[in-house]
Amino acid sequence: MNHRRPRPHLAEEPHPMIHRRTLLAATLLVPLAACAPGEGGTAAAGRLRLDYAYYNPLSLVVRRQRWLENELKDTTVTWVLSAGSNKANENLRGESIDVGSTAGAAALQARANGTPIKTIGVYTRPEWTALVVAGDSPVTRVAQLKGRKVAATKGTDPYFFLLQALREAGLGATDVEVVNLQHADGRTALERGDVDAWAGLDPLMAQSQVEAGAKLLYRNPAFNSYGFLNAREGFLAESPDLVQKVLDAYERARAWIAANPDEAVRLLAAEAKLTPEVATVVLRERTEVGISPVPGAEQRAVLERILPTLVAESQVRSEQEARAALDSLFAPEHAEKARAAS
């Protein structure tokens, strides 16, 4: 599933009831003392909550095949749809999921701004975002977006892509009117003519190209960060066995897609309600699945390039916190074991 990538084109307290909560916490923790290390969190929780997303094809396979449900007989597995990295991070921060899929830049931003997550794996290397204009738009260069409306979902890779593209063209976020819309609404706004451009996200971006004649104003694969699989730090510490099961299932899904490319396209099409043509563009032309799942030097290098933009555009609280977040973001040990086993 590796594809040749196109060359760049110029064109995120204490409470009065603390005593009661302390007693409750102590009560809940008592059974854990009798459990073997690594088993306590699983025995206490009896549940695994993770997301699936149309921008994360491995999640679709794991969910459809029910590998986790079939193996974890004593664990309730719950799936939550993430409409974008910002929603995945909101759910991780609110502890409504244990594992969530985001873009790399969104994971860095979230940790830098206080969300206690760790990146446990890498699911794909995508070219999933670009700047998109309507088919009849007079805009042919990023610099021409000055003073115009651009739809983007803040806290997601397309938004960070937009910031990088603007800076490369000598502009900043204040030089355009950023209309903060969820990805699907951004596409609708573009096709209705309510905005001049859209920081798109596949599969919606490919769908707009094929079905509405939208054009990619600016592409640059280097500005796309990897797909990161993130876990809440508490869950990672309490349930390492479940974390390992998730990573093992993800590697199984990676191999399944490689062995069943046509079925993988049909699955994406069915789940995201896409035509086979659109699903093919997304999965075969703009998504690298056959990569190492272990977060490391390559992913860090991408985030090193993005970090100055996050700081300059005040997307993180401080550069110091952002760099500390980058230094502590990766927890690769479970992905390493999953890769070795596969």
C-alpha atoms as a PDB file:
ATOM      1  CA  MET A   1       0.000   0.000   0.000  1.00  0.00           C
ATOM      2  CA  ASN A   2       2.958   2.356  -0.299  1.00  0.00           C
ATOM      3  CA  HIS A   3       2.466   4.970  -2.992  1.00  0.00           C
ATOM      4  CA  ARG A   4       4.713   7.478  -4.608  1.00  0.00           C
ATOM      5  CA  ARG A   5       3.918  10.827  -3.053  1.00  0.00           C
ATOM      6  CA  PRO A   6       3.443  13.937  -5.203  1.00  0.00           C
ATOM      7  CA  ARG A   7       6.038  16.686  -5.012  1.00  0.00           C
ATOM      8  CA  PRO A   8       4.946  19.845  -3.163  1.00  0.00           C
ATOM      9  CA  HIS A   9       3.147  22.278  -5.432  1.00  0.00           C
ATOM     10  CA  LEU A  10       3.607  26.048  -5.171  1.00  0.00           C
ATOM     11  CA  ALA A  11       0.382  27.145  -5.723  1.00  0.00           C
ATOM     12  CA  GLU A  12      -6.252  22.676  23.268  1.00  0.00           C
ATOM     13  CA  GLU A  13      -9.744  21.760  41.406  1.00  0.00           C
ATOM     14  CA  PRO A  14     -10.211  20.935  44.164  1.00  0.00           C
ATOM     15  CA  HIS A  15     -13.899  20.732  45.077  1.00  0.00           C
ATOM     16  CA  PRO A  16     -15.755  21.083  48.409  1.00  0.00           C
ATOM     17  CA  MET A  17     -16.692  17.417  48.126  1.00  0.00           C
ATOM     18  CA  ILE A  18     -13.029  16.385  48.151  1.00  0.00           C
ATOM     19  CA  HIS A  19     -13.383  14.348  51.339  1.00  0.00           C
ATOM     20  CA  ARG A  20     -16.219  12.275  49.897  1.00  0.00           C
ATOM     21  CA  ARG A  21     -14.317  11.775  46.653  1.00  0.00           C
ATOM     22  CA  THR A  22     -11.216  10.711  48.546  1.00  0.00           C
ATOM     23  CA  LEU A  23     -13.188   8.072  50.421  1.00  0.00           C
ATOM     24  CA  LEU A  24     -14.775   6.882  47.182  1.00  0.00           C
ATOM     25  CA  ALA A  25     -11.413   6.670  45.455  1.00  0.00           C
ATOM     26  CA  ALA A  26      -9.974   4.687  48.353  1.00  0.00           C
ATOM     27  CA  THR A  27     -12.922   2.299  48.185  1.00  0.00           C
ATOM     28  CA  LEU A  28     -12.436   1.777  44.448  1.00  0.00           C
ATOM     29  CA  LEU A  29      -8.717   1.199  44.773  1.00  0.00           C
ATOM     30  CA  VAL A  30      -8.917  -1.525  47.421  1.00  0.00           C
ATOM     31  CA  PRO A  31      -9.544  -4.375  44.948  1.00  0.00           C
ATOM     32  CA  LEU A  32      -6.611  -3.224  42.822  1.00  0.00           C
ATOM     33  CA  ALA A  33      -4.105  -4.034  45.544  1.00  0.00           C
ATOM     34  CA  ALA A  34      -4.927  -7.711  45.191  1.00  0.00           C
ATOM     35  CA  CYS A  35      -4.400  -7.716  41.408  1.00  0.00           C
ATOM     36  CA  ALA A  36      -1.261  -8.554  39.580  1.00  0.00           C
ATOM     37  CA  PRO A  37       0.586  -5.634  38.012  1.00  0.00           C
ATOM     38  CA  GLY A  38      -0.942  -4.575  34.725  1.00  0.00           C
ATOM     39  CA  GLU A  39      -4.249  -6.321  35.488  1.00  0.00           C
ATOM     40  CA  GLY A  40      -5.782  -3.922  37.979  1.00  0.00           C
ATOM     41  CA  GLY A  41      -7.083  -1.325  35.543  1.00  0.00           C
ATOM     42  CA  THR A  42      -8.659  -3.939  33.340  1.00  0.00           C
ATOM     43  CA  ALA A  43     -10.312  -5.784  36.202  1.00  0.00           C
ATOM     44  CA  ALA A  44     -11.655  -2.591  37.725  1.00  0.00           C
ATOM     45  CA  ALA A  45     -12.918  -1.039  34.534  1.00  0.00           C
ATOM     46  CA  GLY A  46     -14.030  -4.052  32.497  1.00  0.00           C
ATOM     47  CA  ARG A  47     -14.310  -1.745  29.518  1.00  0.00           C
ATOM     48  CA  LEU A  48     -12.425  -0.393  26.571  1.00  0.00           C
ATOM     49  CA  ARG A  49     -13.594   2.756  24.819  1.00  0.00           C
ATOM     50  CA  LEU A  50     -11.981   3.763  21.585  1.00  0.00           C
ATOM     51  CA  ASP A  51     -12.801   5.789  18.558  1.00  0.00           C
ATOM     52  CA  TYR A  52     -13.186   5.048  14.901  1.00  0.00           C
ATOM     53  CA  ALA A  53     -12.836   7.640  12.181  1.00  0.00           C
ATOM     54  CA  TYR A  54     -13.195   7.781   8.442  1.00  0.00           C
ATOM     55  CA  TYR A  55      -9.710   9.334   8.312  1.00  0.00           C
ATOM     56  CA  ASN A  56      -8.331   6.285  10.152  1.00  0.00           C
ATOM     57  CA  PRO A  57      -8.944   3.265   7.917  1.00  0.00           C
ATOM     58  CA  LEU A  58      -7.321   0.843  10.374  1.00  0.00           C
ATOM     59  CA  SER A  59      -9.943   1.724  12.979  1.00  0.00           C
ATOM     60  CA  LEU A  60     -12.697   0.815  10.503  1.00  0.00           C
ATOM     61  CA  VAL A  61     -11.181  -2.615   9.944  1.00  0.00           C
ATOM     62  CA  VAL A  62     -10.674  -3.367  13.652  1.00  0.00           C
ATOM     63  CA  ARG A  63     -14.248  -2.323  14.385  1.00  0.00           C
ATOM     64  CA  ARG A  64     -15.785  -4.244  11.489  1.00  0.00           C
ATOM     65  CA  GLN A  65     -13.835  -7.451  12.182  1.00  0.00           C
ATOM     66  CA  ARG A  66     -14.709  -7.356  15.910  1.00  0.00           C
ATOM     67  CA  TRP A  67     -11.282  -8.712  16.852  1.00  0.00           C
ATOM     68  CA  LEU A  68     -11.244  -6.910  20.201  1.00  0.00           C
ATOM     69  CA  GLU A  69     -14.787  -7.945  21.107  1.00  0.00           C
ATOM     70  CA  ASN A  70     -14.059 -11.567  20.247  1.00  0.00           C
ATOM     71  CA  GLU A  71     -10.823 -11.709  22.230  1.00  0.00           C
ATOM     72  CA  LEU A  72     -11.797  -9.601  25.250  1.00  0.00           C
ATOM     73  CA  LYS A  73     -14.795 -11.610  26.398  1.00  0.00           C
ATOM     74  CA  ASP A  74     -14.891 -10.002  29.868  1.00  0.00           C
ATOM     75  CA  THR A  75     -14.456  -6.455  28.569  1.00  0.00           C
ATOM     76  CA  THR A  76     -17.132  -4.187  27.153  1.00  0.00           C
ATOM     77  CA  VAL A  77     -15.787  -2.612  23.985  1.00  0.00           C
ATOM     78  CA  THR A  78     -17.400   0.678  22.987  1.00  0.00           C
ATOM     79  CA  TRP A  79     -16.759   2.571  19.750  1.00  0.00           C
ATOM     80  CA  VAL A  80     -17.234   6.323  19.396  1.00  0.00           C
ATOM     81  CA  LEU A  81     -17.110   8.120  16.044  1.00  0.00           C
ATOM     82  CA  SER A  82     -14.598  10.961  15.834  1.00  0.00           C
ATOM     83  CA  ALA A  83     -15.517  13.635  13.288  1.00  0.00           C
ATOM     84  CA  GLY A  84     -12.034  15.151  13.517  1.00  0.00           C
ATOM     85  CA  SER A  85      -8.917  15.390  15.655  1.00  0.00           C
ATOM     86  CA  ASN A  86     -10.496  18.111  17.773  1.00  0.00           C
ATOM     87  CA  LYS A  87     -13.406  15.829  18.673  1.00  0.00           C
ATOM     88  CA  ALA A  88     -11.076  12.925  19.459  1.00  0.00           C
ATOM     89  CA  ASN A  89      -9.047  15.186  21.753  1.00  0.00           C
ATOM     90  CA  GLU A  90     -12.212  16.500  23.419  1.00  0.00           C
ATOM     91  CA  ASN A  91     -13.290  12.930  24.144  1.00  0.00           C
ATOM     92  CA  LEU A  92      -9.854  11.978  25.475  1.00  0.00           C
ATOM     93  CA  ARG A  93      -9.761  15.087  27.637  1.00  0.00           C
ATOM     94  CA  GLY A  94     -13.298  14.397  28.918  1.00  0.00           C
ATOM     95  CA  GLU A  95     -12.386  10.726  29.541  1.00  0.00           C
ATOM     96  CA  SER A  96     -15.235   9.461  27.378  1.00  0.00           C
ATOM     97  CA  ILE A  97     -12.760   7.403  25.366  1.00  0.00           C
ATOM     98  CA  ASP A  98      -9.508   5.707  26.304  1.00  0.00           C
ATOM     99  CA  VAL A  99      -7.873   5.618  22.880  1.00  0.00           C
ATOM    100  CA  GLY A 100      -8.397   8.116  20.090  1.00  0.00           C
ATOM    101  CA  SER A 101      -7.031   8.861  16.641  1.00  0.00           C
ATOM    102  CA  THR A 102      -5.804  12.310  15.670  1.00  0.00           C
ATOM    103  CA  ALA A 103      -3.316  13.974  13.428  1.00  0.00           C
ATOM    104  CA  GLY A 104       0.155  14.359  14.893  1.00  0.00           C
ATOM    105  CA  ALA A 105       0.013  18.138  15.141  1.00  0.00           C
ATOM    106  CA  ALA A 106      -3.299  17.963  17.011  1.00  0.00           C
ATOM    107  CA  ALA A 107      -1.823  15.480  19.505  1.00  0.00           C
ATOM    108  CA  LEU A 108       1.131  17.791  20.143  1.00  0.00           C
ATOM    109  CA  GLN A 109      -1.105  20.826  20.564  1.00  0.00           C
ATOM    110  CA  ALA A 110      -3.408  18.975  22.974  1.00  0.00           C
ATOM    111  CA  ARG A 111      -0.556  17.727  25.181  1.00  0.00           C
ATOM    112  CA  ALA A 112       1.134  21.137  25.151  1.00  0.00           C
ATOM    113  CA  ASN A 113      -2.123  22.690  26.332  1.00  0.00           C
ATOM    114  CA  GLY A 114      -2.596  20.253  29.206  1.00  0.00           C
ATOM    115  CA  THR A 115      -4.426  17.213  27.835  1.00  0.00           C
ATOM    116  CA  PRO A 116      -2.772  14.155  29.463  1.00  0.00           C
ATOM    117  CA  ILE A 117      -2.304  11.928  26.417  1.00  0.00           C
ATOM    118  CA  LYS A 118       0.502   9.839  24.984  1.00  0.00           C
ATOM    119  CA  THR A 119       0.956   8.731  21.405  1.00  0.00           C
ATOM    120  CA  ILE A 120       1.077   4.926  21.458  1.00  0.00           C
ATOM    121  CA  GLY A 121       1.118   4.243  17.747  1.00  0.00           C
ATOM    122  CA  VAL A 122       1.067   5.557  14.189  1.00  0.00           C
ATOM    123  CA  TYR A 123      -1.738   4.341  11.957  1.00  0.00           C
ATOM    124  CA  THR A 124      -0.998   5.940   8.564  1.00  0.00           C
ATOM    125  CA  ARG A 125       1.069   8.480   6.760  1.00  0.00           C
ATOM    126  CA  PRO A 126      -1.600  10.399   4.842  1.00  0.00           C
ATOM    127  CA  GLU A 127      -1.820  13.261   2.468  1.00  0.00           C
ATOM    128  CA  TRP A 128      -5.251  13.928   3.867  1.00  0.00           C
ATOM    129  CA  THR A 129      -5.418  17.690   3.706  1.00  0.00           C
ATOM    130  CA  ALA A 130      -4.918  20.471   1.181  1.00  0.00           C
ATOM    131  CA  LEU A 131      -6.350  23.907   0.493  1.00  0.00           C
ATOM    132  CA  VAL A 132      -9.441  23.576  -1.659  1.00  0.00           C
ATOM    133  CA  VAL A 133     -11.327  26.082  -3.800  1.00  0.00           C
ATOM    134  CA  ALA A 134     -14.445  25.804  -5.926  1.00  0.00           C
ATOM    135  CA  GLY A 135     -14.028  24.692  -9.499  1.00  0.00           C
ATOM    136  CA  ASP A 136     -14.771  28.175 -10.849  1.00  0.00           C
ATOM    137  CA  SER A 137     -12.716  30.082  -8.268  1.00  0.00           C
ATOM    138  CA  PRO A 138     -10.436  32.838  -9.539  1.00  0.00           C
ATOM    139  CA  VAL A 139      -7.972  32.078  -6.726  1.00  0.00           C
ATOM    140  CA  THR A 140      -4.911  30.291  -8.065  1.00  0.00           C
ATOM    141  CA  ARG A 141      -2.287  31.108  -5.397  1.00  0.00           C
ATOM    142  CA  VAL A 142      -2.308  30.989  -1.583  1.00  0.00           C
ATOM    143  CA  ALA A 143      -1.302  34.656  -1.431  1.00  0.00           C
ATOM    144  CA  GLN A 144      -4.602  35.528  -3.132  1.00  0.00           C
ATOM    145  CA  LEU A 145      -6.492  34.324  -0.052  1.00  0.00           C
ATOM    146  CA  LYS A 146      -5.583  37.542   1.759  1.00  0.00           C
ATOM    147  CA  GLY A 147      -8.783  39.192   3.032  1.00  0.00           C
ATOM    148  CA  ARG A 148     -10.892  36.181   2.037  1.00  0.00           C
ATOM    149  CA  LYS A 149     -12.899  33.632   4.052  1.00  0.00           C
ATOM    150  CA  VAL A 150     -11.334  30.218   4.641  1.00  0.00           C
ATOM    151  CA  ALA A 151     -13.223  27.397   6.360  1.00  0.00           C
ATOM    152  CA  ALA A 152     -11.164  25.219   8.731  1.00  0.00           C
ATOM    153  CA  THR A 153     -11.654  23.077  11.821  1.00  0.00           C
ATOM    154  CA  LYS A 154      -9.422  24.511  14.515  1.00  0.00           C
ATOM    155  CA  GLY A 155      -7.283  22.004  16.382  1.00  0.00           C
ATOM    156  CA  THR A 156      -6.982  19.643  13.404  1.00  0.00           C
ATOM    157  CA  ASP A 157      -4.351  18.908  10.793  1.00  0.00           C
ATOM    158  CA  PRO A 158      -6.150  20.885   8.050  1.00  0.00           C
ATOM    159  CA  TYR A 159      -6.055  23.982  10.257  1.00  0.00           C
ATOM    160  CA  PHE A 160      -2.359  23.551  10.947  1.00  0.00           C
ATOM    161  CA  PHE A 161      -1.845  22.925   7.239  1.00  0.00           C
ATOM    162  CA  LEU A 162      -3.568  26.243   6.523  1.00  0.00           C
ATOM    163  CA  LEU A 163      -1.334  28.087   8.982  1.00  0.00           C
ATOM    164  CA  GLN A 164       1.799  26.624   7.427  1.00  0.00           C
ATOM    165  CA  ALA A 165       0.658  27.392   3.905  1.00  0.00           C
ATOM    166  CA  LEU A 166      -0.167  31.000   4.833  1.00  0.00           C
ATOM    167  CA  ARG A 167       3.220  31.503   6.471  1.00  0.00           C
ATOM    168  CA  GLU A 168       4.979  30.092   3.431  1.00  0.00           C
ATOM    169  CA  ALA A 169       3.089  32.621   1.297  1.00  0.00           C
ATOM    170  CA  GLY A 170       4.084  35.499   3.594  1.00  0.00           C
ATOM    171  CA  LEU A 171       0.715  35.689   5.346  1.00  0.00           C
ATOM    172  CA  GLY A 172      -0.567  34.954   8.859  1.00  0.00           C
ATOM    173  CA  ALA A 173      -3.864  33.715  10.269  1.00  0.00           C
ATOM    174  CA  THR A 174      -5.076  37.307  10.721  1.00  0.00           C
ATOM    175  CA  ASP A 175      -4.652  37.964   7.007  1.00  0.00           C
ATOM    176  CA  VAL A 176      -7.637  35.727   6.248  1.00  0.00           C
ATOM    177  CA  GLU A 177     -11.012  35.303   7.925  1.00  0.00           C
ATOM    178  CA  VAL A 178     -10.903  31.790   9.384  1.00  0.00           C
ATOM    179  CA  VAL A 179     -14.435  30.395   9.600  1.00  0.00           C
ATOM    180  CA  ASN A 180     -14.297  27.660  12.253  1.00  0.00           C
ATOM    181  CA  LEU A 181     -16.485  24.834  10.969  1.00  0.00           C
ATOM    182  CA  GLN A 182     -16.423  21.071  11.404  1.00  0.00           C
ATOM    183  CA  HIS A 183     -14.987  19.386   8.344  1.00  0.00           C
ATOM    184  CA  ALA A 184     -18.289  18.392   6.711  1.00  0.00           C
ATOM    185  CA  ASP A 185     -19.710  21.871   7.248  1.00  0.00           C
ATOM    186  CA  GLY A 186     -16.591  23.387   5.746  1.00  0.00           C
ATOM    187  CA  ARG A 187     -17.108  21.396   2.593  1.00  0.00           C
ATOM    188  CA  THR A 188     -20.749  22.493   2.421  1.00  0.00           C
ATOM    189  CA  ALA A 189     -19.772  26.134   2.927  1.00  0.00           C
ATOM    190  CA  LEU A 190     -17.283  25.931   0.068  1.00  0.00           C
ATOM    191  CA  GLU A 191     -19.702  24.309  -2.331  1.00  0.00           C
ATOM    192  CA  ARG A 192     -22.403  26.868  -1.452  1.00  0.00           C
ATOM    193  CA  GLY A 193     -20.025  29.747  -2.022  1.00  0.00           C
ATOM    194  CA  ASP A 194     -20.152  30.900   1.604  1.00  0.00           C
ATOM    195  CA  VAL A 195     -16.343  30.770   1.861  1.00  0.00           C
ATOM    196  CA  ASP A 196     -13.593  31.296  -0.668  1.00  0.00           C
ATOM    197  CA  ALA A 197     -11.499  28.299   0.340  1.00  0.00           C
ATOM    198  CA  TRP A 198     -11.533  25.316   2.656  1.00  0.00           C
ATOM    199  CA  ALA A 199      -8.774  23.491   4.500  1.00  0.00           C
ATOM    200  CA  GLY A 200     -10.103  20.119   3.460  1.00  0.00           C
ATOM    201  CA  LEU A 201      -9.865  16.662   4.959  1.00  0.00           C
ATOM    202  CA  ASP A 202     -10.252  13.328   3.215  1.00  0.00           C
ATOM    203  CA  PRO A 203     -12.506  11.610   2.482  1.00  0.00           C
ATOM    204  CA  LEU A 204     -14.660  14.753   2.268  1.00  0.00           C
ATOM    205  CA  MET A 205     -12.000  16.516   0.212  1.00  0.00           C
ATOM    206  CA  ALA A 206     -11.819  13.781  -2.407  1.00  0.00           C
ATOM    207  CA  GLN A 207     -15.613  13.611  -2.425  1.00  0.00           C
ATOM    208  CA  SER A 208     -15.837  17.329  -3.177  1.00  0.00           C
ATOM    209  CA  GLN A 209     -13.302  16.972  -5.982  1.00  0.00           C
ATOM    210  CA  VAL A 210     -15.084  14.065  -7.651  1.00  0.00           C
ATOM    211  CA  GLU A 211     -18.677  15.106  -7.060  1.00  0.00           C
ATOM    212  CA  ALA A 212     -18.568  18.925  -7.044  1.00  0.00           C
ATOM    213  CA  GLY A 213     -15.556  19.700  -9.192  1.00  0.00           C
ATOM    214  CA  ALA A 214     -13.584  21.328  -6.379  1.00  0.00           C
ATOM    215  CA  LYS A 215      -9.909  22.035  -7.075  1.00  0.00           C
ATOM    216  CA  LEU A 216      -6.878  21.588  -4.855  1.00  0.00           C
ATOM    217  CA  LEU A 217      -5.340  25.037  -4.614  1.00  0.00           C
ATOM    218  CA  TYR A 218      -2.272  23.958  -2.693  1.00  0.00           C
ATOM    219  CA  ARG A 219      -0.819  20.580  -1.793  1.00  0.00           C
ATOM    220  CA  ASN A 220       2.264  19.803   0.263  1.00  0.00           C
ATOM    221  CA  PRO A 221       2.639  16.317   1.776  1.00  0.00           C
ATOM    222  CA  ALA A 222       5.351  17.609   4.127  1.00  0.00           C
ATOM    223  CA  PHE A 223       2.768  19.816   5.849  1.00  0.00           C
ATOM    224  CA  ASN A 224       0.573  16.791   6.693  1.00  0.00           C
ATOM    225  CA  SER A 225       1.443  15.193  10.026  1.00  0.00           C
ATOM    226  CA  TYR A 226       1.093  11.451  10.546  1.00  0.00           C
ATOM    227  CA  GLY A 227      -1.995   9.718  11.918  1.00  0.00           C
ATOM    228  CA  PHE A 228      -1.393   9.306  15.675  1.00  0.00           C
ATOM    229  CA  LEU A 229      -3.131   6.800  17.928  1.00  0.00           C
ATOM    230  CA  ASN A 230      -3.286   8.345  21.413  1.00  0.00           C
ATOM    231  CA  ALA A 231      -4.188   7.015  24.854  1.00  0.00           C
ATOM    232  CA  ARG A 232      -5.111   8.759  28.063  1.00  0.00           C
ATOM    233  CA  GLU A 233      -2.124   8.619  30.411  1.00  0.00           C
ATOM    234  CA  GLY A 234      -4.297   7.168  33.180  1.00  0.00           C
ATOM    235  CA  PHE A 235      -5.519   4.393  30.935  1.00  0.00           C
ATOM    236  CA  LEU A 236      -2.013   3.687  29.701  1.00  0.00           C
ATOM    237  CA  ALA A 237      -0.764   3.295  33.276  1.00  0.00           C
ATOM    238  CA  GLU A 238      -3.731   1.305  34.570  1.00  0.00           C
ATOM    239  CA  SER A 239      -4.435  -1.007  31.622  1.00  0.00           C
ATOM    240  CA  PRO A 240      -1.257  -1.758  29.689  1.00  0.00           C
ATOM    241  CA  ASP A 241      -2.648  -5.153  28.701  1.00  0.00           C
ATOM    242  CA  LEU A 242      -5.598  -3.518  26.938  1.00  0.00           C
ATOM    243  CA  VAL A 243      -3.299  -1.009  25.269  1.00  0.00           C
ATOM    244  CA  GLN A 244      -1.290  -3.905  23.891  1.00  0.00           C
ATOM    245  CA  LYS A 245      -4.434  -5.618  22.613  1.00  0.00           C
ATOM    246  CA  VAL A 246      -5.395  -2.447  20.744  1.00  0.00           C
ATOM    247  CA  LEU A 247      -1.978  -2.101  19.117  1.00  0.00           C
ATOM    248  CA  ASP A 248      -1.956  -5.794  18.185  1.00  0.00           C
ATOM    249  CA  ALA A 249      -5.366  -5.407  16.551  1.00  0.00           C
ATOM    250  CA  TYR A 250      -4.157  -2.362  14.642  1.00  0.00           C
ATOM    251  CA  GLU A 251      -1.212  -4.294  13.214  1.00  0.00           C
ATOM    252  CA  ARG A 252      -3.583  -7.073  12.241  1.00  0.00           C
ATOM    253  CA  ALA A 253      -5.683  -4.462  10.430  1.00  0.00           C
ATOM    254  CA  ARG A 254      -2.626  -3.090   8.651  1.00  0.00           C
ATOM    255  CA  ALA A 255      -1.835  -6.562   7.295  1.00  0.00           C
ATOM    256  CA  TRP A 256      -5.501  -7.122   6.392  1.00  0.00           C
ATOM    257  CA  ILE A 257      -5.624  -3.970   4.263  1.00  0.00           C
ATOM    258  CA  ALA A 258      -2.457  -4.974   2.457  1.00  0.00           C
ATOM    259  CA  ALA A 259      -3.897  -8.422   1.720  1.00  0.00           C
ATOM    260  CA  ASN A 260      -7.409  -7.169   0.864  1.00  0.00           C
ATOM    261  CA  PRO A 261      -7.052  -3.807  -0.899  1.00  0.00           C
ATOM    262  CA  ASP A 262     -10.307  -4.012  -2.843  1.00  0.00           C
ATOM    263  CA  GLU A 263     -12.285  -5.026   0.236  1.00  0.00           C
ATOM    264  CA  ALA A 264     -10.633  -2.219   2.191  1.00  0.00           C
ATOM    265  CA  VAL A 265     -11.858   0.276  -0.411  1.00  0.00           C
ATOM    266  CA  ARG A 266     -15.368  -1.171  -0.200  1.00  0.00           C
ATOM    267  CA  LEU A 267     -15.293  -0.942   3.612  1.00  0.00           C
ATOM    268  CA  LEU A 268     -14.262   2.715   3.562  1.00  0.00           C
ATOM    269  CA  ALA A 269     -16.897   3.465   0.948  1.00  0.00           C
ATOM    270  CA  ALA A 270     -19.638   1.760   2.957  1.00  0.00           C
ATOM    271  CA  GLU A 271     -18.668   3.275   6.323  1.00  0.00           C
ATOM    272  CA  ALA A 272     -18.147   6.836   5.089  1.00  0.00           C
ATOM    273  CA  LYS A 273     -20.916   6.621   2.458  1.00  0.00           C
ATOM    274  CA  LEU A 274     -18.541   7.265  -0.417  1.00  0.00           C
ATOM    275  CA  THR A 275     -18.516   6.133  -3.986  1.00  0.00           C
ATOM    276  CA  PRO A 276     -15.905   3.495  -4.797  1.00  0.00           C
ATOM    277  CA  GLU A 277     -14.116   6.083  -6.923  1.00  0.00           C
ATOM    278  CA  VAL A 278     -13.730   8.484  -4.006  1.00  0.00           C
ATOM    279  CA  ALA A 279     -12.721   5.718  -1.584  1.00  0.00           C
ATOM    280  CA  THR A 280     -10.082   4.582  -4.060  1.00  0.00           C
ATOM    281  CA  VAL A 281      -8.574   8.069  -4.284  1.00  0.00           C
ATOM    282  CA  VAL A 282      -8.413   8.344  -0.505  1.00  0.00           C
ATOM    283  CA  LEU A 283      -7.065   4.902   0.335  1.00  0.00           C
ATOM    284  CA  ARG A 284      -4.860   4.089  -2.620  1.00  0.00           C
ATOM    285  CA  GLU A 285      -3.608   7.471  -3.779  1.00  0.00           C
ATOM    286  CA  ARG A 286      -3.382   9.572  -0.633  1.00  0.00           C
ATOM    287  CA  THR A 287      -2.834   7.133   2.253  1.00  0.00           C
ATOM    288  CA  GLU A 288       0.270   5.123   3.146  1.00  0.00           C
ATOM    289  CA  VAL A 289      -0.741   2.215   5.365  1.00  0.00           C
ATOM    290  CA  GLY A 290       2.379   0.059   5.101  1.00  0.00           C
ATOM    291  CA  ILE A 291       4.475   2.000   7.597  1.00  0.00           C
ATOM    292  CA  SER A 292       5.986   1.308  11.006  1.00  0.00           C
ATOM    293  CA  PRO A 293       3.500   1.754  13.848  1.00  0.00           C
ATOM    294  CA  VAL A 294       6.244   2.921  16.214  1.00  0.00           C
ATOM    295  CA  PRO A 295       6.250   6.688  16.917  1.00  0.00           C
ATOM    296  CA  GLY A 296       9.787   7.980  16.721  1.00  0.00           C
ATOM    297  CA  ALA A 297      12.277  10.096  14.812  1.00  0.00           C
ATOM    298  CA  GLU A 298      10.295  10.542  11.584  1.00  0.00           C
ATOM    299  CA  GLN A 299       7.189  11.755  13.396  1.00  0.00           C
ATOM    300  CA  ARG A 300       9.245  13.982  15.673  1.00  0.00           C
ATOM    301  CA  ALA A 301      10.893  15.601  12.677  1.00  0.00           C
ATOM    302  CA  VAL A 302       7.484  16.542  11.231  1.00  0.00           C
ATOM    303  CA  LEU A 303       6.348  18.001  14.548  1.00  0.00           C
ATOM    304  CA  GLU A 304       9.609  19.935  14.895  1.00  0.00           C
ATOM    305  CA  ARG A 305       8.755  21.676  11.617  1.00  0.00           C
ATOM    306  CA  ILE A 306       5.188  22.425  12.715  1.00  0.00           C
ATOM    307  CA  LEU A 307       5.992  23.567  16.274  1.00  0.00           C
ATOM    308  CA  PRO A 308       7.192  27.098  15.365  1.00  0.00           C
ATOM    309  CA  THR A 309       3.914  27.730  13.538  1.00  0.00           C
ATOM    310  CA  LEU A 310       1.902  26.590  16.561  1.00  0.00           C
ATOM    311  CA  VAL A 311       3.892  28.997  18.723  1.00  0.00           C
ATOM    312  CA  ALA A 312       3.747  31.933  16.305  1.00  0.00           C
ATOM    313  CA  GLU A 313      -0.022  31.579  15.859  1.00  0.00           C
ATOM    314  CA  SER A 314      -0.663  31.128  19.630  1.00  0.00           C
ATOM    315  CA  GLN A 315      -2.037  27.610  19.214  1.00  0.00           C
ATOM    316  CA  VAL A 316      -0.024  26.507  22.280  1.00  0.00           C
ATOM    317  CA  ARG A 317       0.423  28.273  25.606  1.00  0.00           C
ATOM    318  CA  SER A 318       4.169  28.661  25.257  1.00  0.00           C
ATOM    319  CA  GLU A 319       7.090  27.354  23.277  1.00  0.00           C
ATOM    320  CA  GLN A 320       8.585  25.865  26.435  1.00  0.00           C
ATOM    321  CA  GLU A 321       5.434  23.838  27.101  1.00  0.00           C
ATOM    322  CA  ALA A 322       5.232  22.781  23.465  1.00  0.00           C
ATOM    323  CA  ARG A 323       8.810  21.502  23.466  1.00  0.00           C
ATOM    324  CA  ALA A 324       8.271  19.715  26.788  1.00  0.00           C
ATOM    325  CA  ALA A 325       5.147  18.134  25.292  1.00  0.00           C
ATOM    326  CA  LEU A 326       7.075  16.963  22.244  1.00  0.00           C
ATOM    327  CA  ASP A 327       9.807  15.460  24.424  1.00  0.00           C
ATOM    328  CA  SER A 328       7.261  13.481  26.426  1.00  0.00           C
ATOM    329  CA  LEU A 329       4.586  12.701  23.813  1.00  0.00           C
ATOM    330  CA  PHE A 330       5.654   9.290  22.545  1.00  0.00           C
ATOM    331  CA  ALA A 331       5.100   5.979  24.366  1.00  0.00           C
ATOM    332  CA  PRO A 332       6.352   3.507  21.733  1.00  0.00           C
ATOM    333  CA  GLU A 333       6.805   0.313  23.755  1.00  0.00           C
ATOM    334  CA  HIS A 334       3.439  -1.294  22.905  1.00  0.00           C
ATOM    335  CA  ALA A 335       3.772  -0.498  19.203  1.00  0.00           C
ATOM    336  CA  GLU A 336       7.259  -2.018  19.235  1.00  0.00           C
ATOM    337  CA  LYS A 337       5.881  -5.246  20.706  1.00  0.00           C
ATOM    338  CA  ALA A 338       3.003  -5.284  18.215  1.00  0.00           C
ATOM    339  CA  ARG A 339       5.344  -4.808  15.286  1.00  0.00           C
ATOM    340  CA  ALA A 340       7.666  -7.571  16.531  1.00  0.00           C
ATOM    341  CA  ALA A 341       4.736  -9.939  16.945  1.00  0.00           C
ATOM    342  CA  SER A 342       3.364  -9.202  13.492  1.00  0.00           C
END
